Amino acid sequence: MSSSAVRPFLVNKDEDGLFRLTVRETRYNSQGYPLVTSTLQPETFKTATAAKVHAREVFGAVTGDYATK
């Protein structure tokens, strides 16, 4: 079982130089193994900050919920 938790929001730059937001949901199986489902959002953003603001407004993200890798 992994001791590190997956942050629910991933902000990455795509090949066009725009930022994309991926929403990740973590569930655990009966042995406690994490199962992560990732959903890439259709919106693109000019900055990482704009992606984070969108996550806050739409998904209720808070500080510390973001990952860049």
C-alpha atoms as a PDB file:
ATOM      1  CA  MET A   1       0.000   0.000   0.000  1.00  0.00           C
ATOM      2  CA  SER A   2       1.308   3.425  -0.969  1.00  0.00           C
ATOM      3  CA  SER A   3       1.696   5.973   1.802  1.00  0.00           C
ATOM      4  CA  SER A   4       1.622   9.017  -0.504  1.00  0.00           C
ATOM      5  CA  ALA A   5      -1.779  10.415  -1.397  1.00  0.00           C
ATOM      6  CA  VAL A   6      -2.564  11.535  -4.950  1.00  0.00           C
ATOM      7  CA  ARG A   7      -3.538  15.183  -5.117  1.00  0.00           C
ATOM      8  CA  PRO A   8      -6.972  15.543  -6.706  1.00  0.00           C
ATOM      9  CA  PHE A   9      -6.055  18.236  -9.269  1.00  0.00           C
ATOM     10  CA  LEU A  10      -3.217  18.028 -11.788  1.00  0.00           C
ATOM     11  CA  VAL A  11      -2.181  21.134 -13.763  1.00  0.00           C
ATOM     12  CA  ASN A  12      -0.017  20.428 -16.831  1.00  0.00           C
ATOM     13  CA  LYS A  13       1.114  22.349 -19.895  1.00  0.00           C
ATOM     14  CA  ASP A  14       0.099  20.733 -23.199  1.00  0.00           C
ATOM     15  CA  GLU A  15       2.033  20.660 -26.478  1.00  0.00           C
ATOM     16  CA  ASP A  16       0.441  23.973 -27.557  1.00  0.00           C
ATOM     17  CA  GLY A  17       1.726  25.765 -24.441  1.00  0.00           C
ATOM     18  CA  LEU A  18      -1.700  25.976 -22.807  1.00  0.00           C
ATOM     19  CA  PHE A  19      -2.477  24.631 -19.356  1.00  0.00           C
ATOM     20  CA  ARG A  20      -4.924  21.765 -18.821  1.00  0.00           C
ATOM     21  CA  LEU A  21      -6.631  20.577 -15.653  1.00  0.00           C
ATOM     22  CA  THR A  22      -7.011  16.897 -14.798  1.00  0.00           C
ATOM     23  CA  VAL A  23      -9.386  15.898 -12.003  1.00  0.00           C
ATOM     24  CA  ARG A  24      -8.307  12.739 -10.175  1.00  0.00           C
ATOM     25  CA  GLU A  25     -10.474  10.618  -7.892  1.00  0.00           C
ATOM     26  CA  THR A  26      -8.873   8.076  -5.551  1.00  0.00           C
ATOM     27  CA  ARG A  27     -10.742   5.036  -4.240  1.00  0.00           C
ATOM     28  CA  TYR A  28      -9.298   2.099  -2.332  1.00  0.00           C
ATOM     29  CA  ASN A  29      -9.907  -1.593  -2.962  1.00  0.00           C
ATOM     30  CA  SER A  30     -10.483  -4.165  -0.212  1.00  0.00           C
ATOM     31  CA  GLN A  31      -6.721  -4.554   0.392  1.00  0.00           C
ATOM     32  CA  GLY A  32      -6.247  -0.790   0.742  1.00  0.00           C
ATOM     33  CA  TYR A  33      -4.605  -0.359  -2.679  1.00  0.00           C
ATOM     34  CA  PRO A  34      -5.384   3.050  -4.267  1.00  0.00           C
ATOM     35  CA  LEU A  35      -7.312   3.084  -7.553  1.00  0.00           C
ATOM     36  CA  VAL A  36      -7.022   6.450  -9.304  1.00  0.00           C
ATOM     37  CA  THR A  37      -9.408   7.643 -12.025  1.00  0.00           C
ATOM     38  CA  SER A  38      -8.196  10.667 -14.025  1.00  0.00           C
ATOM     39  CA  THR A  39     -10.452  12.889 -16.138  1.00  0.00           C
ATOM     40  CA  LEU A  40      -8.888  15.542 -18.376  1.00  0.00           C
ATOM     41  CA  GLN A  41     -11.125  18.613 -18.483  1.00  0.00           C
ATOM     42  CA  PRO A  42     -11.906  20.110 -21.924  1.00  0.00           C
ATOM     43  CA  GLU A  43     -11.040  23.689 -20.946  1.00  0.00           C
ATOM     44  CA  THR A  44      -7.613  25.213 -21.662  1.00  0.00           C
ATOM     45  CA  PHE A  45      -6.016  28.075 -19.753  1.00  0.00           C
ATOM     46  CA  LYS A  46      -3.270  30.588 -20.547  1.00  0.00           C
ATOM     47  CA  THR A  47      -1.716  30.278 -17.069  1.00  0.00           C
ATOM     48  CA  ALA A  48      -1.512  27.693 -14.309  1.00  0.00           C
ATOM     49  CA  THR A  49      -3.107  30.229 -11.969  1.00  0.00           C
ATOM     50  CA  ALA A  50      -6.170  30.462 -14.216  1.00  0.00           C
ATOM     51  CA  ALA A  51      -6.489  26.656 -14.142  1.00  0.00           C
ATOM     52  CA  LYS A  52      -6.297  26.687 -10.339  1.00  0.00           C
ATOM     53  CA  VAL A  53      -8.944  29.427 -10.103  1.00  0.00           C
ATOM     54  CA  HIS A  54     -11.231  27.339 -12.323  1.00  0.00           C
ATOM     55  CA  ALA A  55     -10.688  24.287 -10.082  1.00  0.00           C
ATOM     56  CA  ARG A  56     -11.544  26.380  -7.031  1.00  0.00           C
ATOM     57  CA  GLU A  57     -14.708  27.829  -8.556  1.00  0.00           C
ATOM     58  CA  VAL A  58     -16.054  24.677 -10.234  1.00  0.00           C
ATOM     59  CA  PHE A  59     -14.759  21.807  -8.070  1.00  0.00           C
ATOM     60  CA  GLY A  60     -14.196  23.464  -4.679  1.00  0.00           C
ATOM     61  CA  ALA A  61     -10.422  22.922  -4.664  1.00  0.00           C
ATOM     62  CA  VAL A  62      -8.387  24.310  -1.777  1.00  0.00           C
ATOM     63  CA  THR A  63      -4.713  25.148  -1.329  1.00  0.00           C
ATOM     64  CA  GLY A  64      -2.623  21.986  -1.361  1.00  0.00           C
ATOM     65  CA  ASP A  65      -4.979  20.090  -3.710  1.00  0.00           C
ATOM     66  CA  TYR A  66      -2.830  20.804  -6.790  1.00  0.00           C
ATOM     67  CA  ALA A  67       0.009  18.843  -8.360  1.00  0.00           C
ATOM     68  CA  THR A  68       2.145  19.688 -11.388  1.00  0.00           C
ATOM     69  CA  LYS A  69       3.630  16.227 -11.983  1.00  0.00           C
END
